[in-house]
């Protein structure tokens, strides 16, 4: 039983944790749980927009935290604080990307087609048709038809573009997508422009 944790530095506590010392794990959590809280605040808007359970995402963050303190190596990694932040962020991002793929709101609700994205001011209708004229989506009255078109769209996208597309059609702005994919907003905006061009090409081919 450890009586005074002030006697131990982070490296020593990590060694104790690797030896399955639960008390050391508790004190490490008490010392650094503010990192999880701080990172979670950044994702509140995204969690709400995707209608995710906050506690489920927090649990993923905890897994990232435990993984960090278990695998931390001061000879290879940055400071423990930085390493924890990295592992927690990666775990949250992976959970959100997985949730966005499963959700596939556009394939379940035609309403998503009319959603106007906050930053780009584009609905999916405008995304697939210049000036929204002769928009083929307006002729699609069945969700099945929309799903077929979206399936064709995904086939022409690169892996990175598909990740952006999946998040975009789940009502996330390009700034939120940049956070999740750990990319700068300009890069995401460029990806959206490429997606728009490819989507229009698919739609035009469907019309002909």
N, C-alpha and C. Protein backbone atom coordinates (compact mmCIF):
# COMPACT_ATOMS: atom_id res chain seq x y z
N UNK A 1 0.85 -1.20 0.00
CA UNK A 1 0.00 0.00 0.00
C UNK A 1 0.88 1.24 0.00
N UNK A 2 0.64 2.14 -0.94
CA UNK A 2 1.43 3.36 -1.04
C UNK A 2 0.76 4.44 -0.21
N UNK A 3 1.50 5.04 0.67
CA UNK A 3 0.93 6.06 1.57
C UNK A 3 1.14 7.47 1.07
N UNK A 4 2.22 7.72 0.38
CA UNK A 4 2.52 9.07 -0.06
C UNK A 4 2.96 9.05 -1.52
N UNK A 5 2.05 9.42 -2.42
CA UNK A 5 2.35 9.38 -3.85
C UNK A 5 3.25 10.53 -4.29
N UNK A 6 3.41 11.53 -3.43
CA UNK A 6 4.29 12.64 -3.78
C UNK A 6 5.74 12.18 -3.87
N UNK A 7 6.00 11.00 -3.34
CA UNK A 7 7.36 10.47 -3.38
C UNK A 7 7.71 9.92 -4.77
N UNK A 8 6.70 9.75 -5.63
CA UNK A 8 6.92 9.10 -6.92
C UNK A 8 6.64 10.05 -8.08
N UNK A 9 7.48 9.98 -9.09
CA UNK A 9 7.23 10.77 -10.30
C UNK A 9 6.40 9.94 -11.28
N UNK A 10 6.06 10.54 -12.43
CA UNK A 10 5.20 9.85 -13.40
C UNK A 10 5.82 8.55 -13.90
N UNK A 11 7.11 8.58 -14.12
CA UNK A 11 7.79 7.39 -14.63
C UNK A 11 7.68 6.23 -13.64
N UNK A 12 7.86 6.54 -12.37
CA UNK A 12 7.76 5.50 -11.33
C UNK A 12 6.33 4.99 -11.20
N UNK A 13 5.38 5.91 -11.30
CA UNK A 13 3.97 5.49 -11.22
C UNK A 13 3.61 4.59 -12.40
N UNK A 14 4.13 4.91 -13.59
CA UNK A 14 3.87 4.08 -14.77
C UNK A 14 4.43 2.68 -14.58
N UNK A 15 5.61 2.60 -13.96
CA UNK A 15 6.21 1.30 -13.69
C UNK A 15 5.32 0.49 -12.74
N UNK A 16 4.78 1.16 -11.74
CA UNK A 16 3.89 0.48 -10.79
C UNK A 16 2.62 0.00 -11.49
N UNK A 17 2.10 0.84 -12.41
CA UNK A 17 0.89 0.48 -13.15
C UNK A 17 1.14 -0.75 -14.01
N UNK A 18 2.31 -0.84 -14.62
CA UNK A 18 2.65 -2.01 -15.43
C UNK A 18 2.76 -3.27 -14.57
N UNK A 19 2.97 -3.07 -13.28
CA UNK A 19 3.01 -4.19 -12.34
C UNK A 19 1.64 -4.43 -11.71
N UNK A 20 0.61 -3.82 -12.36
CA UNK A 20 -0.79 -4.00 -11.93
C UNK A 20 -1.08 -3.41 -10.55
N UNK A 21 -0.42 -2.30 -10.25
CA UNK A 21 -0.69 -1.60 -9.00
C UNK A 21 -1.90 -0.68 -9.20
N UNK A 22 -3.06 -1.10 -8.70
CA UNK A 22 -4.29 -0.35 -8.90
C UNK A 22 -4.26 1.01 -8.21
N UNK A 23 -3.58 1.10 -7.08
CA UNK A 23 -3.49 2.36 -6.35
C UNK A 23 -2.73 3.40 -7.18
N UNK A 24 -1.68 2.96 -7.85
CA UNK A 24 -0.91 3.86 -8.71
C UNK A 24 -1.77 4.33 -9.88
N UNK A 25 -2.59 3.42 -10.40
CA UNK A 25 -3.49 3.77 -11.51
C UNK A 25 -4.51 4.83 -11.07
N UNK A 26 -5.02 4.68 -9.85
CA UNK A 26 -5.99 5.64 -9.33
C UNK A 26 -5.38 7.03 -9.18
N UNK A 27 -4.17 7.09 -8.65
CA UNK A 27 -3.55 8.40 -8.44
C UNK A 27 -3.20 9.05 -9.77
N UNK A 28 -2.83 8.23 -10.76
CA UNK A 28 -2.53 8.78 -12.09
C UNK A 28 -3.80 9.36 -12.71
N UNK A 29 -4.91 8.67 -12.51
CA UNK A 29 -6.18 9.18 -13.03
C UNK A 29 -6.55 10.49 -12.33
N UNK A 30 -6.39 10.53 -11.02
CA UNK A 30 -6.70 11.75 -10.26
C UNK A 30 -5.85 12.92 -10.73
N UNK A 31 -4.64 12.62 -11.12
CA UNK A 31 -3.69 13.67 -11.53
C UNK A 31 -3.97 14.19 -12.93
N UNK A 32 -4.42 13.29 -13.83
CA UNK A 32 -4.52 13.69 -15.24
C UNK A 32 -5.91 13.55 -15.86
N UNK A 33 -6.94 13.29 -15.07
CA UNK A 33 -8.27 13.13 -15.67
C UNK A 33 -8.79 14.44 -16.27
N UNK A 34 -8.18 15.57 -15.88
CA UNK A 34 -8.59 16.85 -16.45
C UNK A 34 -8.32 16.90 -17.95
N UNK A 35 -7.36 16.10 -18.41
CA UNK A 35 -7.05 16.06 -19.85
C UNK A 35 -8.24 15.49 -20.61
N UNK A 36 -8.83 14.42 -20.08
CA UNK A 36 -10.00 13.81 -20.71
C UNK A 36 -11.15 14.81 -20.75
N UNK A 37 -11.39 15.47 -19.62
CA UNK A 37 -12.47 16.45 -19.54
C UNK A 37 -12.29 17.57 -20.55
N UNK A 38 -11.06 18.05 -20.67
CA UNK A 38 -10.75 19.15 -21.59
C UNK A 38 -10.97 18.74 -23.04
N UNK A 39 -10.51 17.54 -23.41
CA UNK A 39 -10.66 17.07 -24.78
C UNK A 39 -12.13 16.79 -25.10
N UNK A 40 -12.84 16.23 -24.16
CA UNK A 40 -14.26 15.94 -24.37
C UNK A 40 -15.06 17.20 -24.66
N UNK A 41 -14.71 18.32 -24.04
CA UNK A 41 -15.40 19.59 -24.28
C UNK A 41 -15.31 19.98 -25.75
N UNK A 42 -14.18 19.67 -26.38
CA UNK A 42 -13.97 20.02 -27.79
C UNK A 42 -14.92 19.26 -28.70
N UNK A 43 -15.37 18.09 -28.25
CA UNK A 43 -16.20 17.23 -29.08
C UNK A 43 -17.69 17.29 -28.73
N UNK A 44 -18.07 18.13 -27.79
CA UNK A 44 -19.47 18.17 -27.35
C UNK A 44 -20.43 18.42 -28.51
N UNK A 45 -20.10 19.41 -29.36
CA UNK A 45 -20.96 19.73 -30.50
C UNK A 45 -21.10 18.57 -31.46
N UNK A 46 -20.00 17.87 -31.71
CA UNK A 46 -20.00 16.73 -32.62
C UNK A 46 -20.81 15.58 -32.03
N UNK A 47 -20.62 15.33 -30.75
CA UNK A 47 -21.36 14.26 -30.08
C UNK A 47 -22.85 14.52 -30.14
N UNK A 48 -23.22 15.77 -29.90
CA UNK A 48 -24.64 16.14 -29.94
C UNK A 48 -25.21 16.01 -31.34
N UNK A 49 -24.46 16.46 -32.35
CA UNK A 49 -24.95 16.44 -33.72
C UNK A 49 -25.12 15.01 -34.23
N UNK A 50 -24.25 14.12 -33.81
CA UNK A 50 -24.35 12.73 -34.22
C UNK A 50 -25.27 11.92 -33.30
N UNK A 51 -25.80 12.61 -32.28
CA UNK A 51 -26.72 11.97 -31.33
C UNK A 51 -26.06 10.76 -30.65
N UNK A 52 -24.80 10.93 -30.27
CA UNK A 52 -24.07 9.87 -29.60
C UNK A 52 -24.27 9.99 -28.09
N UNK A 53 -24.09 8.90 -27.40
CA UNK A 53 -24.17 8.89 -25.95
C UNK A 53 -22.86 9.43 -25.38
N UNK A 54 -22.93 10.52 -24.62
CA UNK A 54 -21.73 11.15 -24.06
C UNK A 54 -20.92 10.16 -23.24
N UNK A 55 -21.60 9.35 -22.44
CA UNK A 55 -20.90 8.41 -21.57
C UNK A 55 -20.18 7.32 -22.36
N UNK A 56 -20.75 6.94 -23.50
CA UNK A 56 -20.08 5.95 -24.34
C UNK A 56 -18.78 6.52 -24.91
N UNK A 57 -18.83 7.77 -25.36
CA UNK A 57 -17.63 8.40 -25.90
C UNK A 57 -16.60 8.62 -24.79
N UNK A 58 -17.09 9.00 -23.60
CA UNK A 58 -16.18 9.21 -22.47
C UNK A 58 -15.48 7.89 -22.11
N UNK A 59 -16.21 6.80 -22.21
CA UNK A 59 -15.61 5.50 -21.93
C UNK A 59 -14.48 5.20 -22.93
N UNK A 60 -14.70 5.56 -24.19
CA UNK A 60 -13.65 5.38 -25.19
C UNK A 60 -12.44 6.23 -24.83
N UNK A 61 -12.70 7.45 -24.34
CA UNK A 61 -11.61 8.32 -23.91
C UNK A 61 -10.83 7.69 -22.76
N UNK A 62 -11.56 7.04 -21.85
CA UNK A 62 -10.91 6.36 -20.73
C UNK A 62 -10.03 5.21 -21.21
N UNK A 63 -10.50 4.48 -22.21
CA UNK A 63 -9.69 3.41 -22.77
C UNK A 63 -8.38 3.99 -23.33
N UNK A 64 -8.50 5.13 -24.00
CA UNK A 64 -7.31 5.80 -24.53
C UNK A 64 -6.37 6.22 -23.42
N UNK A 65 -6.93 6.71 -22.33
CA UNK A 65 -6.14 7.14 -21.17
C UNK A 65 -5.39 5.95 -20.56
N UNK A 66 -6.11 4.85 -20.35
CA UNK A 66 -5.49 3.66 -19.76
C UNK A 66 -4.42 3.08 -20.67
N UNK A 67 -4.67 3.14 -21.97
CA UNK A 67 -3.70 2.65 -22.94
C UNK A 67 -2.43 3.50 -22.88
N UNK A 68 -2.62 4.81 -22.70
CA UNK A 68 -1.48 5.73 -22.65
C UNK A 68 -0.58 5.46 -21.45
N UNK A 69 -1.19 5.35 -20.28
CA UNK A 69 -0.37 5.16 -19.08
C UNK A 69 0.23 3.76 -19.03
N UNK A 70 -0.37 2.83 -19.76
CA UNK A 70 0.17 1.47 -19.80
C UNK A 70 1.34 1.36 -20.77
N UNK A 71 1.28 2.12 -21.87
CA UNK A 71 2.30 1.98 -22.90
C UNK A 71 3.34 3.10 -22.90
N UNK A 72 3.18 4.06 -22.03
CA UNK A 72 4.09 5.22 -22.03
C UNK A 72 5.54 4.81 -21.81
N UNK A 73 6.42 5.34 -22.64
CA UNK A 73 7.85 5.11 -22.52
C UNK A 73 8.55 6.45 -22.63
N UNK A 74 9.10 6.93 -21.54
CA UNK A 74 9.69 8.26 -21.53
C UNK A 74 10.91 8.36 -22.44
N UNK A 75 11.48 7.22 -22.82
CA UNK A 75 12.64 7.24 -23.71
C UNK A 75 12.24 7.38 -25.17
N UNK A 76 10.97 7.05 -25.49
CA UNK A 76 10.51 7.11 -26.87
C UNK A 76 9.47 8.20 -27.10
N UNK A 77 8.64 8.42 -26.12
CA UNK A 77 7.50 9.31 -26.28
C UNK A 77 7.78 10.70 -25.70
N UNK A 78 6.87 11.62 -26.00
CA UNK A 78 6.96 12.97 -25.45
C UNK A 78 6.58 12.90 -23.97
N UNK A 79 6.22 14.04 -23.39
CA UNK A 79 5.81 14.03 -21.99
C UNK A 79 4.57 13.16 -21.83
N UNK A 80 4.35 12.67 -20.63
CA UNK A 80 3.20 11.83 -20.37
C UNK A 80 1.91 12.58 -20.68
N UNK A 81 1.85 13.85 -20.31
CA UNK A 81 0.67 14.67 -20.58
C UNK A 81 0.35 14.71 -22.06
N UNK A 82 1.37 14.92 -22.88
CA UNK A 82 1.19 14.97 -24.34
C UNK A 82 0.77 13.61 -24.88
N UNK A 83 1.38 12.55 -24.36
CA UNK A 83 1.07 11.20 -24.83
C UNK A 83 -0.37 10.81 -24.48
N UNK A 84 -0.81 11.20 -23.27
CA UNK A 84 -2.19 10.93 -22.87
C UNK A 84 -3.15 11.66 -23.81
N UNK A 85 -2.87 12.92 -24.09
CA UNK A 85 -3.73 13.72 -24.97
C UNK A 85 -3.84 13.08 -26.34
N UNK A 86 -2.71 12.59 -26.86
CA UNK A 86 -2.68 11.96 -28.18
C UNK A 86 -3.51 10.68 -28.19
N UNK A 87 -3.32 9.82 -27.19
CA UNK A 87 -4.04 8.55 -27.15
C UNK A 87 -5.54 8.74 -26.94
N UNK A 88 -5.91 9.68 -26.08
CA UNK A 88 -7.33 9.96 -25.82
C UNK A 88 -7.99 10.50 -27.08
N UNK A 89 -7.33 11.44 -27.75
CA UNK A 89 -7.88 12.04 -28.97
C UNK A 89 -8.05 11.00 -30.06
N UNK A 90 -7.06 10.15 -30.25
CA UNK A 90 -7.15 9.10 -31.27
C UNK A 90 -8.31 8.16 -30.99
N UNK A 91 -8.49 7.81 -29.74
CA UNK A 91 -9.57 6.87 -29.38
C UNK A 91 -10.94 7.50 -29.63
N UNK A 92 -11.08 8.77 -29.27
CA UNK A 92 -12.36 9.46 -29.49
C UNK A 92 -12.64 9.59 -30.98
N UNK A 93 -11.63 10.00 -31.74
CA UNK A 93 -11.80 10.15 -33.18
C UNK A 93 -12.22 8.84 -33.84
N UNK A 94 -11.58 7.75 -33.45
CA UNK A 94 -11.91 6.44 -34.02
C UNK A 94 -13.35 6.07 -33.71
N UNK A 95 -13.79 6.37 -32.49
CA UNK A 95 -15.17 6.05 -32.09
C UNK A 95 -16.18 6.87 -32.88
N UNK A 96 -15.87 8.15 -33.11
CA UNK A 96 -16.79 9.02 -33.84
C UNK A 96 -16.86 8.63 -35.32
N UNK A 97 -15.71 8.31 -35.91
CA UNK A 97 -15.69 7.88 -37.31
C UNK A 97 -16.50 6.60 -37.48
N UNK A 98 -16.33 5.67 -36.56
CA UNK A 98 -17.09 4.41 -36.61
C UNK A 98 -18.58 4.69 -36.47
N UNK A 99 -18.94 5.58 -35.58
CA UNK A 99 -20.35 5.91 -35.36
C UNK A 99 -20.95 6.56 -36.60
N UNK A 100 -20.18 7.42 -37.26
CA UNK A 100 -20.70 8.11 -38.44
C UNK A 100 -20.94 7.13 -39.58
N UNK A 101 -20.09 6.11 -39.67
CA UNK A 101 -20.27 5.10 -40.71
C UNK A 101 -21.53 4.27 -40.45
N UNK A 102 -21.72 3.92 -39.19
CA UNK A 102 -22.88 3.10 -38.84
C UNK A 102 -24.18 3.89 -38.98
N UNK A 103 -24.09 5.14 -38.66
CA UNK A 103 -25.31 5.96 -38.65
C UNK A 103 -25.90 6.12 -40.03
N UNK A 104 -25.07 6.53 -40.99
CA UNK A 104 -25.49 6.67 -42.39
C UNK A 104 -26.87 7.30 -42.49
N UNK A 105 -26.99 8.47 -41.89
CA UNK A 105 -28.29 9.14 -41.82
C UNK A 105 -28.93 9.34 -43.18
N UNK A 106 -28.12 9.62 -44.18
CA UNK A 106 -28.69 9.89 -45.50
C UNK A 106 -29.38 8.67 -46.07
N UNK A 107 -28.85 7.50 -45.72
CA UNK A 107 -29.44 6.27 -46.25
C UNK A 107 -30.68 5.86 -45.48
N UNK A 108 -30.93 6.52 -44.37
CA UNK A 108 -32.08 6.18 -43.56
C UNK A 108 -33.17 7.25 -43.61
N UNK A 109 -32.75 8.50 -43.85
CA UNK A 109 -33.72 9.59 -43.84
C UNK A 109 -33.50 10.50 -45.04
N UNK A 110 -34.50 10.70 -45.85
CA UNK A 110 -34.39 11.61 -46.98
C UNK A 110 -34.21 13.03 -46.49
N UNK A 111 -34.58 13.29 -45.25
CA UNK A 111 -34.46 14.63 -44.68
C UNK A 111 -33.03 15.13 -44.71
N UNK A 112 -32.08 14.23 -44.59
CA UNK A 112 -30.68 14.62 -44.58
C UNK A 112 -30.28 15.32 -45.87
N UNK A 113 -30.98 15.01 -46.94
CA UNK A 113 -30.66 15.62 -48.23
C UNK A 113 -30.89 17.12 -48.18
N UNK A 114 -31.84 17.56 -47.36
CA UNK A 114 -32.18 18.98 -47.29
C UNK A 114 -31.40 19.74 -46.24
N UNK A 115 -30.55 19.03 -45.49
CA UNK A 115 -29.83 19.71 -44.41
C UNK A 115 -28.83 20.71 -44.98
N UNK A 116 -28.77 21.88 -44.41
CA UNK A 116 -27.81 22.90 -44.82
C UNK A 116 -26.64 22.90 -43.86
N UNK A 117 -25.45 22.66 -44.38
CA UNK A 117 -24.28 22.57 -43.52
C UNK A 117 -23.84 23.96 -43.06
N UNK A 118 -23.47 24.04 -41.78
CA UNK A 118 -23.25 25.33 -41.12
C UNK A 118 -22.23 26.22 -41.82
N UNK A 119 -21.05 25.68 -42.12
CA UNK A 119 -19.98 26.53 -42.63
C UNK A 119 -19.99 26.67 -44.14
N UNK A 120 -20.26 25.58 -44.86
CA UNK A 120 -20.21 25.65 -46.32
C UNK A 120 -21.50 26.18 -46.91
N UNK A 121 -22.59 26.24 -46.10
CA UNK A 121 -23.89 26.71 -46.58
C UNK A 121 -24.38 25.88 -47.76
N UNK A 122 -24.05 24.59 -47.76
CA UNK A 122 -24.45 23.71 -48.85
C UNK A 122 -25.32 22.59 -48.32
N UNK A 123 -26.41 22.34 -49.01
CA UNK A 123 -27.19 21.14 -48.71
C UNK A 123 -26.66 20.06 -49.62
N UNK A 124 -27.03 18.81 -49.35
CA UNK A 124 -26.58 17.73 -50.23
C UNK A 124 -27.17 17.91 -51.63
N UNK A 125 -28.35 18.51 -51.73
CA UNK A 125 -28.93 18.79 -53.04
C UNK A 125 -28.02 19.70 -53.85
N UNK A 126 -27.53 20.78 -53.19
CA UNK A 126 -26.64 21.70 -53.89
C UNK A 126 -25.29 21.07 -54.14
N UNK A 127 -24.92 20.14 -53.24
CA UNK A 127 -23.64 19.48 -53.39
C UNK A 127 -23.57 18.67 -54.67
N UNK A 128 -24.71 18.13 -55.10
CA UNK A 128 -24.71 17.25 -56.26
C UNK A 128 -25.24 17.91 -57.53
N UNK A 129 -25.57 19.19 -57.47
CA UNK A 129 -26.13 19.82 -58.65
C UNK A 129 -25.79 21.31 -58.70
N UNK A 130 -25.23 21.76 -59.79
CA UNK A 130 -24.90 23.18 -59.94
C UNK A 130 -26.16 24.02 -59.93
N UNK A 131 -26.15 25.02 -59.04
CA UNK A 131 -27.27 25.97 -58.94
C UNK A 131 -28.60 25.30 -58.63
N UNK A 132 -28.53 24.00 -58.27
CA UNK A 132 -29.74 23.27 -57.89
C UNK A 132 -30.77 23.19 -59.01
N UNK A 133 -30.32 23.32 -60.27
CA UNK A 133 -31.24 23.25 -61.40
C UNK A 133 -31.31 21.81 -61.91
N UNK A 134 -32.52 21.39 -62.24
CA UNK A 134 -32.74 20.03 -62.74
C UNK A 134 -32.09 18.99 -61.83
N UNK A 135 -32.24 19.23 -60.56
CA UNK A 135 -31.61 18.35 -59.58
C UNK A 135 -32.26 16.98 -59.61
N UNK A 136 -31.51 15.94 -59.97
CA UNK A 136 -32.09 14.60 -60.07
C UNK A 136 -32.59 14.07 -58.72
N UNK A 137 -32.02 14.57 -57.61
CA UNK A 137 -32.48 14.10 -56.31
C UNK A 137 -33.92 14.49 -56.04
N UNK A 138 -34.37 15.57 -56.69
CA UNK A 138 -35.75 15.98 -56.50
C UNK A 138 -36.71 14.96 -57.10
N UNK A 139 -36.21 14.16 -58.03
CA UNK A 139 -37.05 13.16 -58.67
C UNK A 139 -37.01 11.82 -57.93
N UNK A 140 -36.16 11.75 -56.93
CA UNK A 140 -36.02 10.50 -56.19
C UNK A 140 -36.97 10.51 -55.01
N UNK A 141 -38.05 9.81 -55.15
CA UNK A 141 -39.06 9.81 -54.09
C UNK A 141 -38.87 8.64 -53.13
N UNK A 142 -38.04 7.68 -53.52
CA UNK A 142 -37.83 6.52 -52.68
C UNK A 142 -36.41 6.57 -52.09
N UNK A 143 -36.33 6.26 -50.81
CA UNK A 143 -35.02 6.25 -50.15
C UNK A 143 -34.09 5.25 -50.82
N UNK A 144 -34.65 4.15 -51.35
CA UNK A 144 -33.83 3.16 -52.02
C UNK A 144 -33.07 3.76 -53.20
N UNK A 145 -33.74 4.65 -53.93
CA UNK A 145 -33.10 5.30 -55.08
C UNK A 145 -31.95 6.18 -54.60
N UNK A 146 -32.17 6.87 -53.50
CA UNK A 146 -31.12 7.73 -52.95
C UNK A 146 -29.94 6.88 -52.49
N UNK A 147 -30.25 5.75 -51.83
CA UNK A 147 -29.20 4.86 -51.35
C UNK A 147 -28.34 4.34 -52.50
N UNK A 148 -28.98 3.97 -53.61
CA UNK A 148 -28.25 3.47 -54.76
C UNK A 148 -27.29 4.52 -55.29
N UNK A 149 -27.76 5.77 -55.34
CA UNK A 149 -26.92 6.86 -55.83
C UNK A 149 -25.74 7.09 -54.91
N UNK A 150 -26.00 7.07 -53.61
CA UNK A 150 -24.92 7.28 -52.64
C UNK A 150 -23.90 6.16 -52.71
N UNK A 151 -24.35 4.94 -52.95
CA UNK A 151 -23.44 3.80 -53.10
C UNK A 151 -22.51 4.01 -54.29
N UNK A 152 -23.07 4.53 -55.39
CA UNK A 152 -22.26 4.83 -56.58
C UNK A 152 -21.24 5.93 -56.29
N UNK A 153 -21.69 6.91 -55.51
CA UNK A 153 -20.79 8.02 -55.15
C UNK A 153 -19.59 7.50 -54.38
N UNK A 154 -19.84 6.62 -53.40
CA UNK A 154 -18.75 6.12 -52.57
C UNK A 154 -17.71 5.35 -53.39
N UNK A 155 -18.14 4.73 -54.47
CA UNK A 155 -17.23 3.94 -55.29
C UNK A 155 -16.19 4.81 -56.00
N UNK A 156 -16.51 6.07 -56.24
CA UNK A 156 -15.57 6.92 -56.98
C UNK A 156 -14.72 7.79 -56.06
N UNK A 157 -14.94 7.68 -54.76
CA UNK A 157 -14.19 8.50 -53.81
C UNK A 157 -12.95 7.77 -53.31
N UNK A 158 -11.91 8.53 -53.03
CA UNK A 158 -10.72 7.96 -52.40
C UNK A 158 -11.05 7.65 -50.95
N UNK A 159 -10.24 6.84 -50.27
CA UNK A 159 -10.51 6.53 -48.85
C UNK A 159 -10.65 7.79 -47.99
N UNK A 160 -9.78 8.78 -48.22
CA UNK A 160 -9.85 10.02 -47.44
C UNK A 160 -11.13 10.78 -47.78
N UNK A 161 -11.47 10.85 -49.07
CA UNK A 161 -12.68 11.55 -49.48
C UNK A 161 -13.93 10.87 -48.93
N UNK A 162 -13.90 9.54 -48.86
CA UNK A 162 -15.06 8.82 -48.33
C UNK A 162 -15.25 9.11 -46.85
N UNK A 163 -14.14 9.21 -46.11
CA UNK A 163 -14.23 9.56 -44.70
C UNK A 163 -14.87 10.93 -44.53
N UNK A 164 -14.44 11.88 -45.36
CA UNK A 164 -15.00 13.24 -45.30
C UNK A 164 -16.48 13.20 -45.67
N UNK A 165 -16.80 12.47 -46.73
CA UNK A 165 -18.18 12.36 -47.20
C UNK A 165 -19.10 11.77 -46.13
N UNK A 166 -18.64 10.69 -45.50
CA UNK A 166 -19.44 10.04 -44.46
C UNK A 166 -19.75 10.99 -43.31
N UNK A 167 -18.77 11.80 -42.94
CA UNK A 167 -18.97 12.76 -41.85
C UNK A 167 -19.83 13.93 -42.32
N UNK A 168 -19.64 14.34 -43.56
CA UNK A 168 -20.39 15.46 -44.10
C UNK A 168 -21.88 15.16 -44.16
N UNK A 169 -22.24 13.97 -44.61
CA UNK A 169 -23.65 13.64 -44.73
C UNK A 169 -24.27 13.28 -43.38
N UNK A 170 -23.44 13.25 -42.35
CA UNK A 170 -23.96 13.09 -41.00
C UNK A 170 -24.05 14.44 -40.29
N UNK A 171 -24.14 15.48 -41.10
CA UNK A 171 -24.43 16.84 -40.61
C UNK A 171 -23.26 17.53 -39.92
N UNK A 172 -22.03 17.10 -40.15
CA UNK A 172 -20.88 17.75 -39.54
C UNK A 172 -20.30 18.80 -40.48
N UNK A 173 -19.90 19.91 -39.92
CA UNK A 173 -19.30 20.98 -40.72
C UNK A 173 -17.86 20.63 -41.06
N UNK A 174 -17.26 21.35 -42.00
CA UNK A 174 -15.90 21.02 -42.40
C UNK A 174 -14.92 21.28 -41.25
N UNK A 175 -15.23 22.22 -40.37
CA UNK A 175 -14.37 22.47 -39.21
C UNK A 175 -14.42 21.30 -38.23
N UNK A 176 -15.59 20.75 -38.03
CA UNK A 176 -15.72 19.60 -37.14
C UNK A 176 -15.05 18.37 -37.75
N UNK A 177 -15.18 18.23 -39.06
CA UNK A 177 -14.53 17.12 -39.76
C UNK A 177 -13.01 17.23 -39.62
N UNK A 178 -12.51 18.45 -39.70
CA UNK A 178 -11.07 18.68 -39.56
C UNK A 178 -10.57 18.23 -38.19
N UNK A 179 -11.38 18.47 -37.17
CA UNK A 179 -11.01 18.05 -35.81
C UNK A 179 -10.94 16.53 -35.74
N UNK A 180 -11.96 15.86 -36.26
CA UNK A 180 -12.03 14.40 -36.17
C UNK A 180 -10.92 13.73 -36.97
N UNK A 181 -10.63 14.25 -38.15
CA UNK A 181 -9.62 13.63 -39.02
C UNK A 181 -8.23 14.19 -38.79
N UNK A 182 -8.12 15.06 -37.78
CA UNK A 182 -6.81 15.65 -37.44
C UNK A 182 -6.17 16.30 -38.66
N UNK A 183 -6.95 17.11 -39.35
CA UNK A 183 -6.49 17.78 -40.55
C UNK A 183 -6.85 19.25 -40.45
N UNK A 184 -6.22 20.08 -41.27
CA UNK A 184 -6.56 21.50 -41.22
C UNK A 184 -7.82 21.77 -42.06
N UNK A 185 -8.61 22.76 -41.68
CA UNK A 185 -9.88 23.04 -42.38
C UNK A 185 -9.72 23.26 -43.87
N UNK A 186 -8.62 23.86 -44.29
CA UNK A 186 -8.40 24.12 -45.72
C UNK A 186 -8.29 22.81 -46.49
N UNK A 187 -7.59 21.83 -45.90
CA UNK A 187 -7.45 20.53 -46.54
C UNK A 187 -8.81 19.84 -46.68
N UNK A 188 -9.64 19.96 -45.64
CA UNK A 188 -10.98 19.37 -45.69
C UNK A 188 -11.83 20.08 -46.73
N UNK A 189 -11.73 21.40 -46.78
CA UNK A 189 -12.48 22.17 -47.77
C UNK A 189 -12.10 21.75 -49.18
N UNK A 190 -10.81 21.54 -49.42
CA UNK A 190 -10.35 21.08 -50.73
C UNK A 190 -10.92 19.70 -51.06
N UNK A 191 -10.96 18.82 -50.05
CA UNK A 191 -11.52 17.50 -50.25
C UNK A 191 -13.00 17.58 -50.62
N UNK A 192 -13.72 18.50 -49.98
CA UNK A 192 -15.14 18.67 -50.27
C UNK A 192 -15.34 19.15 -51.71
N UNK A 193 -14.46 20.02 -52.18
CA UNK A 193 -14.57 20.49 -53.57
C UNK A 193 -14.35 19.34 -54.55
N UNK A 194 -13.39 18.45 -54.22
CA UNK A 194 -13.17 17.28 -55.09
C UNK A 194 -14.38 16.35 -55.05
N UNK A 195 -14.94 16.19 -53.87
CA UNK A 195 -16.12 15.34 -53.71
C UNK A 195 -17.28 15.89 -54.54
N UNK A 196 -17.48 17.20 -54.48
CA UNK A 196 -18.55 17.84 -55.25
C UNK A 196 -18.42 17.53 -56.73
N UNK A 197 -17.20 17.65 -57.24
CA UNK A 197 -16.97 17.40 -58.67
C UNK A 197 -17.28 15.95 -59.03
N UNK A 198 -16.84 15.02 -58.18
CA UNK A 198 -17.08 13.61 -58.45
C UNK A 198 -18.56 13.25 -58.33
N UNK A 199 -19.21 13.84 -57.36
CA UNK A 199 -20.63 13.57 -57.16
C UNK A 199 -21.44 14.04 -58.36
N UNK A 200 -21.14 15.24 -58.84
CA UNK A 200 -21.85 15.76 -60.01
C UNK A 200 -21.65 14.86 -61.22
N UNK A 201 -20.44 14.32 -61.33
CA UNK A 201 -20.15 13.44 -62.47
C UNK A 201 -20.99 12.17 -62.37
N UNK A 202 -21.13 11.63 -61.16
CA UNK A 202 -21.95 10.44 -60.97
C UNK A 202 -23.41 10.74 -61.30
N UNK A 203 -23.90 11.87 -60.82
CA UNK A 203 -25.29 12.26 -61.06
C UNK A 203 -25.56 12.46 -62.55
N UNK A 204 -24.64 13.14 -63.23
CA UNK A 204 -24.81 13.39 -64.67
C UNK A 204 -24.81 12.07 -65.44
N UNK A 205 -23.98 11.12 -65.03
CA UNK A 205 -23.93 9.82 -65.68
C UNK A 205 -25.24 9.07 -65.46
N UNK A 206 -25.81 9.21 -64.28
CA UNK A 206 -27.09 8.55 -63.97
C UNK A 206 -28.21 9.11 -64.83
N UNK A 207 -28.12 10.42 -65.10
CA UNK A 207 -29.17 11.06 -65.91
C UNK A 207 -29.10 10.61 -67.36
N UNK A 208 -27.88 10.31 -67.84
CA UNK A 208 -27.67 9.93 -69.24
C UNK A 208 -27.73 8.42 -69.43
